[in-house]
N, C-alpha and C. Protein backbone atom coordinates (compact mmCIF):
# COMPACT_ATOMS: atom_id res chain seq x y z
N MET A 1 -52.91 -19.65 65.35
CA MET A 1 -53.39 -21.12 65.36
C MET A 1 -54.57 -21.23 64.88
N THR A 2 -54.79 -22.50 64.30
CA THR A 2 -56.13 -22.80 63.76
C THR A 2 -56.96 -23.33 64.80
N ASP A 3 -58.14 -23.72 64.44
CA ASP A 3 -59.26 -24.16 65.51
C ASP A 3 -58.88 -25.67 65.99
N ASP A 4 -58.11 -26.32 65.03
CA ASP A 4 -57.95 -27.63 65.42
C ASP A 4 -56.47 -27.67 66.01
N GLY A 5 -55.79 -26.65 66.38
CA GLY A 5 -54.65 -26.69 67.17
C GLY A 5 -53.32 -26.56 66.27
N ARG A 6 -53.38 -26.76 65.13
CA ARG A 6 -52.31 -26.54 64.35
C ARG A 6 -52.00 -24.96 64.08
N ALA A 7 -50.46 -24.98 63.77
CA ALA A 7 -49.97 -23.61 63.60
C ALA A 7 -50.28 -23.14 62.16
N GLU A 8 -50.55 -21.77 62.02
CA GLU A 8 -50.97 -21.42 60.65
C GLU A 8 -49.64 -21.40 59.89
N PRO A 9 -49.42 -21.56 58.55
CA PRO A 9 -48.38 -21.63 57.87
C PRO A 9 -48.14 -20.17 57.43
N VAL A 10 -46.89 -19.87 57.48
CA VAL A 10 -46.32 -18.33 57.37
C VAL A 10 -46.13 -18.26 55.99
N ILE A 11 -46.67 -17.36 55.29
CA ILE A 11 -46.50 -17.02 53.89
C ILE A 11 -45.90 -15.77 53.80
N ALA A 12 -44.57 -16.10 53.04
CA ALA A 12 -43.92 -14.71 52.75
C ALA A 12 -44.50 -13.82 51.65
N PRO A 13 -44.45 -12.42 51.87
CA PRO A 13 -45.04 -11.52 51.00
C PRO A 13 -44.40 -11.50 49.52
N ALA A 14 -44.96 -11.41 48.66
CA ALA A 14 -44.60 -11.43 47.21
C ALA A 14 -43.83 -10.13 47.10
N PRO A 15 -42.69 -10.07 46.30
CA PRO A 15 -41.86 -9.12 45.95
C PRO A 15 -42.53 -8.11 45.36
N ARG A 16 -42.48 -6.96 45.75
CA ARG A 16 -43.03 -5.81 44.95
C ARG A 16 -42.64 -5.41 43.74
N ARG A 17 -43.10 -5.34 42.49
CA ARG A 17 -42.24 -4.94 41.43
C ARG A 17 -42.06 -3.41 41.17
N GLY A 18 -41.06 -3.16 40.49
CA GLY A 18 -40.88 -1.89 40.30
C GLY A 18 -39.89 -1.20 41.42
N ILE A 19 -39.71 -1.85 42.35
CA ILE A 19 -38.76 -1.35 43.63
C ILE A 19 -37.62 -2.12 43.33
N ARG A 20 -36.26 -1.46 43.38
CA ARG A 20 -35.06 -2.13 43.18
C ARG A 20 -34.49 -2.18 44.62
N ARG A 21 -33.89 -3.23 44.72
CA ARG A 21 -33.27 -3.42 46.09
C ARG A 21 -31.64 -3.17 45.86
N ALA A 22 -31.22 -2.87 46.87
CA ALA A 22 -29.73 -2.35 46.88
C ALA A 22 -28.88 -3.88 46.74
N ARG A 23 -28.13 -3.85 45.73
CA ARG A 23 -27.41 -5.11 45.47
C ARG A 23 -26.16 -4.96 46.00
N ALA A 24 -25.50 -6.24 46.20
CA ALA A 24 -24.07 -6.52 46.85
C ALA A 24 -23.12 -6.50 45.63
N GLU A 25 -23.72 -6.30 44.49
CA GLU A 25 -22.73 -6.39 43.23
C GLU A 25 -22.62 -4.89 42.70
N PRO A 26 -21.82 -4.06 43.13
CA PRO A 26 -21.67 -2.70 42.46
C PRO A 26 -21.14 -2.46 41.12
N GLU A 27 -20.42 -3.42 40.72
CA GLU A 27 -19.83 -3.61 39.59
C GLU A 27 -20.58 -4.28 38.38
N ARG A 28 -21.90 -4.52 38.62
CA ARG A 28 -22.62 -5.15 37.67
C ARG A 28 -22.80 -4.32 36.23
N GLY A 29 -22.43 -5.05 35.22
CA GLY A 29 -22.39 -4.23 33.98
C GLY A 29 -21.13 -3.75 33.15
N SER A 30 -20.10 -3.97 34.30
CA SER A 30 -18.72 -3.49 33.70
C SER A 30 -18.11 -4.48 32.79
N ALA A 31 -18.45 -5.65 32.62
CA ALA A 31 -17.96 -6.58 31.60
C ALA A 31 -18.38 -5.94 30.25
N THR A 32 -19.64 -5.39 30.06
CA THR A 32 -19.82 -4.61 28.84
C THR A 32 -18.96 -3.70 28.59
N ILE A 33 -18.70 -2.82 29.39
CA ILE A 33 -17.63 -1.93 29.04
C ILE A 33 -16.33 -2.33 28.73
N TYR A 34 -15.81 -3.31 29.24
CA TYR A 34 -14.61 -3.84 28.93
C TYR A 34 -14.58 -4.68 27.42
N VAL A 35 -15.69 -5.12 27.22
CA VAL A 35 -16.01 -5.80 26.01
C VAL A 35 -15.96 -4.64 24.63
N VAL A 36 -16.75 -3.63 24.91
CA VAL A 36 -16.46 -2.27 24.00
C VAL A 36 -15.25 -1.87 23.91
N ALA A 37 -14.43 -1.66 24.99
CA ALA A 37 -13.20 -1.02 24.95
C ALA A 37 -12.25 -1.86 24.21
N GLU A 38 -12.51 -3.44 24.30
CA GLU A 38 -11.61 -4.17 23.64
C GLU A 38 -12.01 -4.10 22.06
N LEU A 39 -13.18 -4.12 21.89
CA LEU A 39 -13.53 -4.06 20.38
C LEU A 39 -13.06 -2.75 19.64
N VAL A 40 -13.12 -1.61 20.53
CA VAL A 40 -12.47 -0.39 19.97
C VAL A 40 -10.97 -0.55 19.52
N LEU A 41 -10.48 -1.08 20.36
CA LEU A 41 -8.92 -1.22 20.41
C LEU A 41 -8.53 -2.37 19.17
N LEU A 42 -9.28 -3.49 19.22
CA LEU A 42 -9.06 -4.44 17.98
C LEU A 42 -9.40 -3.51 16.60
N ALA A 43 -10.42 -2.84 16.59
CA ALA A 43 -10.64 -2.01 15.43
C ALA A 43 -9.50 -1.13 14.86
N MET A 44 -8.97 -0.50 16.01
CA MET A 44 -7.84 0.42 15.77
C MET A 44 -6.71 -0.45 15.32
N ALA A 45 -6.58 -1.59 15.59
CA ALA A 45 -5.32 -2.36 15.44
C ALA A 45 -5.58 -2.84 13.97
N ALA A 46 -6.71 -3.15 13.67
CA ALA A 46 -7.11 -3.72 12.42
C ALA A 46 -6.79 -2.52 11.29
N ALA A 47 -7.17 -1.42 11.54
CA ALA A 47 -6.96 -0.19 10.62
C ALA A 47 -5.70 0.07 10.52
N ALA A 48 -4.96 0.00 11.41
CA ALA A 48 -3.44 0.23 11.53
C ALA A 48 -2.77 -0.86 10.43
N VAL A 49 -2.99 -2.29 10.56
CA VAL A 49 -2.71 -3.15 9.85
C VAL A 49 -2.94 -2.96 8.47
N LEU A 50 -4.27 -2.57 8.23
CA LEU A 50 -4.55 -2.43 6.76
C LEU A 50 -4.05 -1.29 6.13
N GLY A 51 -3.53 -0.19 6.96
CA GLY A 51 -2.75 0.87 6.49
C GLY A 51 -1.39 0.61 5.89
N VAL A 52 -0.88 -0.21 7.02
CA VAL A 52 0.61 -0.79 6.35
C VAL A 52 0.65 -1.55 5.34
N ILE A 53 -0.69 -2.51 5.11
CA ILE A 53 -0.56 -3.18 4.06
C ILE A 53 -0.87 -2.45 2.68
N GLY A 54 -1.74 -1.42 2.90
CA GLY A 54 -1.87 -0.44 1.77
C GLY A 54 -0.56 0.15 1.36
N ILE A 55 0.25 0.53 2.28
CA ILE A 55 1.50 1.38 2.02
C ILE A 55 2.43 0.33 1.10
N ALA A 56 2.39 -0.92 1.62
CA ALA A 56 3.04 -2.02 0.91
C ALA A 56 2.79 -2.33 -0.44
N VAL A 57 1.35 -2.20 -0.65
CA VAL A 57 1.02 -2.68 -2.01
C VAL A 57 1.09 -1.46 -3.05
N ALA A 58 1.14 -0.11 -2.35
CA ALA A 58 1.25 0.95 -3.24
C ALA A 58 2.71 1.10 -3.61
N ARG A 59 3.67 0.69 -2.62
CA ARG A 59 5.11 0.63 -2.84
C ARG A 59 5.31 -0.36 -4.08
N HIS A 60 4.72 -1.52 -3.75
CA HIS A 60 5.17 -2.47 -4.88
C HIS A 60 4.75 -2.23 -6.24
N ARG A 61 3.53 -1.57 -6.47
CA ARG A 61 2.86 -0.93 -7.61
C ARG A 61 3.81 0.03 -8.23
N ALA A 62 4.30 0.88 -7.38
CA ALA A 62 5.18 1.94 -7.76
C ALA A 62 6.40 1.37 -8.33
N GLU A 63 7.11 0.28 -7.59
CA GLU A 63 8.11 -0.44 -8.18
C GLU A 63 7.99 -0.95 -9.42
N THR A 64 6.74 -1.55 -9.65
CA THR A 64 6.41 -2.42 -11.04
C THR A 64 6.32 -1.26 -12.06
N ALA A 65 5.73 -0.14 -11.65
CA ALA A 65 5.58 1.03 -12.85
C ALA A 65 6.92 1.31 -13.19
N ALA A 66 8.01 1.58 -12.22
CA ALA A 66 9.33 2.22 -12.39
C ALA A 66 10.04 1.19 -13.22
N ASP A 67 10.05 -0.16 -12.93
CA ASP A 67 10.60 -1.18 -13.64
C ASP A 67 10.19 -1.20 -15.11
N LEU A 68 8.85 -1.52 -15.24
CA LEU A 68 8.23 -1.51 -16.52
C LEU A 68 8.50 -0.04 -17.49
N GLY A 69 8.33 1.00 -16.80
CA GLY A 69 8.66 2.28 -17.70
C GLY A 69 10.34 2.25 -17.85
N ALA A 70 11.05 2.06 -17.10
CA ALA A 70 12.62 1.78 -17.54
C ALA A 70 12.85 0.88 -18.42
N LEU A 71 12.16 -0.49 -18.37
CA LEU A 71 12.35 -1.27 -19.54
C LEU A 71 11.91 -0.93 -20.91
N ALA A 72 10.60 -0.09 -20.97
CA ALA A 72 10.18 0.36 -22.05
C ALA A 72 10.84 1.52 -22.63
N GLY A 73 11.49 2.24 -21.81
CA GLY A 73 12.38 3.44 -22.21
C GLY A 73 13.62 3.03 -22.69
N ALA A 74 14.34 1.83 -22.20
CA ALA A 74 15.30 1.32 -22.67
C ALA A 74 15.30 0.66 -24.03
N ASP A 75 14.14 0.05 -23.93
CA ASP A 75 13.98 -0.57 -25.50
C ASP A 75 14.09 0.49 -26.54
N VAL A 76 13.16 1.57 -26.28
CA VAL A 76 13.42 2.55 -27.37
C VAL A 76 14.82 3.16 -27.41
N LEU A 77 15.35 3.21 -26.38
CA LEU A 77 16.95 3.84 -26.44
C LEU A 77 17.82 2.79 -27.20
N GLY A 78 17.38 1.53 -26.97
CA GLY A 78 18.18 0.31 -27.76
C GLY A 78 18.10 0.50 -29.06
N GLN A 79 16.68 0.68 -29.66
CA GLN A 79 16.53 1.00 -30.91
C GLN A 79 17.27 1.91 -31.70
N TRP A 80 17.38 3.13 -30.93
CA TRP A 80 18.33 4.35 -31.51
C TRP A 80 19.75 3.88 -31.52
N LEU A 81 20.39 3.08 -30.54
CA LEU A 81 21.66 2.64 -30.35
C LEU A 81 21.93 1.70 -31.78
N ARG A 82 20.84 0.82 -31.94
CA ARG A 82 21.29 -0.35 -32.80
C ARG A 82 21.22 0.41 -34.33
N THR A 83 20.66 1.35 -34.43
CA THR A 83 20.62 1.96 -35.79
C THR A 83 21.90 3.08 -35.86
N GLY A 84 22.42 3.09 -34.85
CA GLY A 84 23.53 4.05 -34.81
C GLY A 84 23.23 5.62 -35.02
N ALA A 85 21.81 5.92 -34.80
CA ALA A 85 21.37 7.22 -35.13
C ALA A 85 21.81 8.10 -33.64
N ALA A 86 22.26 7.37 -32.44
CA ALA A 86 22.55 8.14 -31.17
C ALA A 86 23.88 8.60 -31.24
N SER A 87 24.50 8.69 -32.04
CA SER A 87 26.12 9.05 -31.98
C SER A 87 26.32 10.65 -31.77
N ALA A 88 25.57 11.29 -32.68
CA ALA A 88 25.70 12.71 -32.60
C ALA A 88 24.86 13.33 -31.42
N SER A 89 25.24 14.52 -30.86
CA SER A 89 24.63 14.88 -29.57
C SER A 89 23.21 15.27 -29.81
N THR A 90 22.71 15.82 -30.94
CA THR A 90 21.51 16.17 -31.31
C THR A 90 20.55 14.64 -31.14
N ALA A 91 21.29 13.76 -31.81
CA ALA A 91 20.37 12.42 -31.95
C ALA A 91 20.48 11.82 -30.45
N THR A 92 21.48 12.05 -29.69
CA THR A 92 21.45 11.51 -28.40
C THR A 92 20.49 12.14 -27.53
N ALA A 93 20.22 13.53 -27.56
CA ALA A 93 19.23 14.20 -26.90
C ALA A 93 17.75 13.51 -27.46
N GLN A 94 17.59 13.51 -28.81
CA GLN A 94 16.45 12.94 -29.26
C GLN A 94 16.04 11.57 -28.76
N ALA A 95 17.14 10.83 -28.93
CA ALA A 95 17.03 9.38 -28.30
C ALA A 95 16.67 9.41 -26.68
N ALA A 96 17.20 10.12 -26.05
CA ALA A 96 16.80 10.21 -24.53
C ALA A 96 15.26 10.74 -24.46
N SER A 97 15.11 11.64 -25.19
CA SER A 97 13.69 12.05 -25.40
C SER A 97 12.52 11.11 -25.53
N ALA A 98 12.93 10.54 -26.69
CA ALA A 98 11.86 9.27 -27.13
C ALA A 98 11.85 8.30 -26.09
N ALA A 99 13.05 7.92 -25.38
CA ALA A 99 12.89 7.03 -24.45
C ALA A 99 12.12 7.23 -23.30
N CYS A 100 12.34 8.68 -22.95
CA CYS A 100 11.57 8.91 -21.55
C CYS A 100 10.14 9.18 -21.96
N ALA A 101 9.81 9.72 -23.21
CA ALA A 101 8.56 9.72 -23.47
C ALA A 101 7.74 8.41 -23.33
N ARG A 102 8.36 7.33 -23.91
CA ARG A 102 7.97 5.88 -23.94
C ARG A 102 7.78 5.45 -22.29
N ALA A 103 8.83 5.71 -21.63
CA ALA A 103 8.75 5.33 -20.39
C ALA A 103 7.71 6.13 -19.41
N ALA A 104 7.38 7.34 -19.83
CA ALA A 104 6.29 8.04 -19.18
C ALA A 104 4.91 7.56 -19.52
N GLU A 105 4.86 7.10 -20.86
CA GLU A 105 3.41 6.29 -21.37
C GLU A 105 3.22 5.09 -20.31
N VAL A 106 4.18 4.24 -20.07
CA VAL A 106 4.11 3.13 -19.56
C VAL A 106 3.93 3.26 -18.03
N VAL A 107 4.53 4.35 -17.34
CA VAL A 107 4.24 4.68 -16.00
C VAL A 107 2.95 5.09 -15.61
N VAL A 108 2.33 6.00 -16.67
CA VAL A 108 1.28 6.43 -16.30
C VAL A 108 0.06 5.23 -16.64
N ALA A 109 0.38 4.53 -17.42
CA ALA A 109 -0.66 3.27 -17.81
C ALA A 109 -0.67 2.38 -16.52
N ASN A 110 0.39 2.47 -15.65
CA ASN A 110 0.47 1.64 -14.59
C ASN A 110 0.18 2.46 -13.24
N GLY A 111 -0.64 3.53 -13.29
CA GLY A 111 -1.23 4.32 -12.32
C GLY A 111 -0.12 5.15 -11.47
N ALA A 112 1.07 5.59 -12.02
CA ALA A 112 1.96 6.18 -11.17
C ALA A 112 2.17 7.46 -12.03
N ALA A 113 3.09 8.53 -11.59
CA ALA A 113 3.40 9.60 -12.38
C ALA A 113 5.09 9.72 -12.45
N LEU A 114 5.52 9.92 -13.62
CA LEU A 114 6.96 10.15 -13.92
C LEU A 114 7.48 11.24 -13.03
N MET A 115 8.45 11.19 -12.29
CA MET A 115 9.20 12.26 -11.49
C MET A 115 10.23 12.75 -12.28
N SER A 116 11.13 11.59 -12.71
CA SER A 116 12.43 12.10 -13.42
C SER A 116 12.65 10.97 -14.35
N CYS A 117 13.35 11.40 -15.61
CA CYS A 117 13.84 10.20 -16.38
C CYS A 117 14.96 10.84 -17.20
N GLU A 118 16.07 10.02 -17.07
CA GLU A 118 17.39 10.69 -17.70
C GLU A 118 18.26 9.40 -18.14
N ARG A 119 18.82 9.87 -19.16
CA ARG A 119 19.94 8.85 -19.73
C ARG A 119 21.24 9.30 -19.16
N ARG A 120 21.94 8.18 -18.47
CA ARG A 120 23.24 8.29 -17.93
C ARG A 120 24.06 7.17 -18.73
N GLY A 121 24.90 7.61 -19.73
CA GLY A 121 25.77 6.60 -20.42
C GLY A 121 24.73 5.91 -21.29
N SER A 122 24.75 4.59 -21.05
CA SER A 122 24.02 3.75 -21.95
C SER A 122 22.75 3.15 -21.02
N THR A 123 22.55 3.73 -19.78
CA THR A 123 21.43 3.35 -18.92
C THR A 123 20.48 4.39 -18.96
N LEU A 124 19.30 3.92 -18.79
CA LEU A 124 18.06 4.73 -18.58
C LEU A 124 17.46 4.85 -17.15
N GLN A 125 17.53 5.82 -16.40
CA GLN A 125 17.22 5.94 -15.02
C GLN A 125 15.75 6.63 -14.76
N VAL A 126 14.56 6.11 -14.19
CA VAL A 126 13.37 6.29 -14.15
C VAL A 126 13.07 6.52 -12.68
N MET A 127 12.30 7.46 -12.13
CA MET A 127 11.74 7.84 -10.98
C MET A 127 10.38 8.06 -10.89
N VAL A 128 9.49 7.30 -10.09
CA VAL A 128 8.12 7.54 -10.28
C VAL A 128 7.58 7.82 -8.75
N ARG A 129 6.30 8.25 -8.80
CA ARG A 129 5.65 8.33 -7.51
C ARG A 129 4.39 7.75 -7.65
N ARG A 130 3.66 7.47 -6.73
CA ARG A 130 2.32 6.79 -6.64
C ARG A 130 1.57 7.21 -5.46
N PRO A 131 0.40 7.83 -5.67
CA PRO A 131 -0.40 8.33 -4.46
C PRO A 131 -1.03 6.99 -3.85
N LEU A 132 -1.17 7.12 -2.50
CA LEU A 132 -1.68 5.99 -1.62
C LEU A 132 -3.38 6.12 -1.82
N PRO A 133 -4.03 5.32 -2.26
CA PRO A 133 -5.35 5.47 -2.67
C PRO A 133 -6.40 5.87 -1.38
N TRP A 134 -5.96 5.36 -0.24
CA TRP A 134 -6.75 5.56 0.85
C TRP A 134 -6.74 6.85 1.45
N ALA A 135 -5.60 7.48 1.04
CA ALA A 135 -5.38 8.60 1.86
C ALA A 135 -6.44 9.75 1.36
N ALA A 136 -6.76 9.79 0.09
CA ALA A 136 -7.80 10.86 -0.41
C ALA A 136 -8.99 10.37 0.00
N ARG A 137 -9.39 9.23 0.06
CA ARG A 137 -10.74 8.49 0.32
C ARG A 137 -11.06 8.94 1.87
N TRP A 138 -10.14 9.04 2.75
CA TRP A 138 -10.31 9.52 4.30
C TRP A 138 -10.02 10.74 4.60
N SER A 139 -9.98 11.78 3.58
CA SER A 139 -9.60 13.01 3.67
C SER A 139 -8.34 13.26 4.52
N LEU A 140 -7.24 12.26 4.30
CA LEU A 140 -6.06 12.59 4.89
C LEU A 140 -5.18 13.57 4.05
N PRO A 141 -4.07 13.99 4.50
CA PRO A 141 -3.14 14.85 3.61
C PRO A 141 -2.80 13.90 2.38
N PRO A 142 -2.13 14.40 1.48
CA PRO A 142 -1.92 13.43 0.45
C PRO A 142 -0.55 12.71 0.89
N ALA A 143 -0.88 11.52 0.30
CA ALA A 143 0.57 10.57 0.80
C ALA A 143 0.96 9.98 -0.41
N GLN A 144 2.10 9.61 -0.51
CA GLN A 144 2.80 8.97 -1.93
C GLN A 144 3.86 8.19 -1.59
N VAL A 145 4.13 7.22 -2.18
CA VAL A 145 5.18 6.33 -2.28
C VAL A 145 6.12 6.58 -3.57
N SER A 146 7.43 6.26 -3.54
CA SER A 146 8.23 6.51 -4.84
C SER A 146 9.21 5.32 -5.27
N SER A 147 9.54 5.28 -6.37
CA SER A 147 10.45 4.15 -6.46
C SER A 147 11.30 4.63 -7.62
N ALA A 148 12.46 3.87 -7.91
CA ALA A 148 13.58 4.30 -9.05
C ALA A 148 13.87 2.94 -9.46
N ALA A 149 14.21 2.90 -10.75
CA ALA A 149 14.58 1.94 -11.62
C ALA A 149 15.43 2.33 -12.72
N GLU A 150 16.40 1.42 -13.10
CA GLU A 150 17.16 1.67 -14.17
C GLU A 150 17.34 0.36 -15.14
N ALA A 151 17.63 0.58 -16.55
CA ALA A 151 17.45 -0.36 -17.38
C ALA A 151 18.50 -0.13 -18.54
N LEU A 152 19.04 -1.16 -19.00
CA LEU A 152 20.09 -0.97 -19.95
C LEU A 152 19.62 -1.57 -21.24
N PRO A 153 19.79 -0.96 -22.32
CA PRO A 153 19.21 -1.45 -23.56
C PRO A 153 19.89 -2.61 -24.12
N ASP A 154 19.35 -3.64 -24.60
CA ASP A 154 19.94 -4.77 -25.28
C ASP A 154 21.34 -4.37 -26.05
N ALA A 155 21.08 -3.45 -26.87
CA ALA A 155 22.38 -2.90 -27.87
C ALA A 155 23.35 -2.55 -27.00
N ALA A 156 23.28 -1.72 -25.82
CA ALA A 156 24.16 -1.19 -25.15
C ALA A 156 25.02 -2.50 -24.28
N ARG A 157 24.02 -3.47 -23.98
CA ARG A 157 24.84 -4.76 -23.22
C ARG A 157 25.76 -5.37 -24.03
N LEU A 158 25.25 -5.53 -25.58
CA LEU A 158 26.25 -6.17 -26.52
C LEU A 158 27.56 -5.17 -26.55
N VAL A 159 27.44 -3.90 -26.81
CA VAL A 159 28.68 -3.18 -26.74
C VAL A 159 29.63 -2.86 -25.50
N ASP A 160 28.76 -2.77 -24.31
CA ASP A 160 29.50 -2.20 -23.13
C ASP A 160 30.19 -3.55 -22.43
N SER A 161 29.34 -4.74 -22.48
CA SER A 161 29.75 -5.84 -21.63
C SER A 161 30.84 -6.59 -22.06
N PRO A 162 31.84 -7.06 -21.33
CA PRO A 162 32.80 -8.09 -22.11
C PRO A 162 32.18 -9.31 -22.43
N ALA A 163 32.88 -9.95 -23.41
CA ALA A 163 32.30 -11.29 -23.84
C ALA A 163 32.16 -12.33 -22.71
N ILE A 164 31.08 -13.05 -22.90
CA ILE A 164 30.85 -14.00 -21.76
C ILE A 164 31.26 -15.47 -22.42
N PRO A 165 32.12 -16.06 -21.88
CA PRO A 165 32.49 -17.42 -22.40
C PRO A 165 31.43 -18.31 -22.42
N ALA A 166 31.49 -19.07 -23.40
CA ALA A 166 30.55 -20.12 -23.52
C ALA A 166 30.72 -21.30 -22.35
N PRO A 167 29.56 -22.02 -22.03
CA PRO A 167 29.73 -22.93 -21.08
C PRO A 167 30.17 -24.20 -21.77
N PRO A 168 31.02 -24.96 -20.99
CA PRO A 168 31.85 -26.07 -21.49
C PRO A 168 31.08 -27.29 -21.70
């Protein structure tokens, strides 16, 4: 008490710095761990989606290379058929060889590799493969997609197909 009879004010001591008090929240900071775990899962899912998209793009490019190679080879084969040079067996082998050589040029120009090319009757069948670009970049085992196509030369269409009636 003071001299005039009043009570002295009670002053709470200031908290000391550097001393940690036991908290009632034992899971403090666990949200950070959950957020980091979710971000890792999200990154893994994004990588998987990008991988699937990469495979689809490579497959479409392989299909394009096969289609264009077959069409280019069939064009050469059609030129041989139009001139009538492909009637003898030697000329037939030369026609198939020239058609496959042209198909290989077009396939390679489109970023694929020619696996097989053969003439079956009047059609030219081409099979190609294309590596996945990201497999080599990430030091993964070589992965590739393949595709096949066949084309019929214009001259063979005129000879082999029945006449189509004109529209009325």
